[in-house]
């Protein structure tokens, strides 16, 4: 069985985020996130979706037994590294461009 709260913690820590930062990025009140841990409650699917979006990953990646990690090529890694440097507007523009190219 997957430890959902443990995965959230691992993903948060790997990004050097506090619970407060996760709350801000996900739009979920920090008190709600703290309650999950205090009362050992699981987030709703809606909340988990918001958490995954904050982590910039799909729920499938989050729930994957191999932590959502797959081997990627050096070219793919370079693309991901550059993606992280883009602003949200630049990411949207890039995705639009990719959509038009891959049709």
Foldseek 3Di string as FASTA:
>chain_A
DDQLLVLLVVLCVVVPHDLCRLCVLLVNDSVVNVCCVVVVNDDDPVSVCSSCVSSVHGVCCCPPPVNNDDDDDPVVVVVVVVCVVDDPVVNVVVVVVVVVVVD
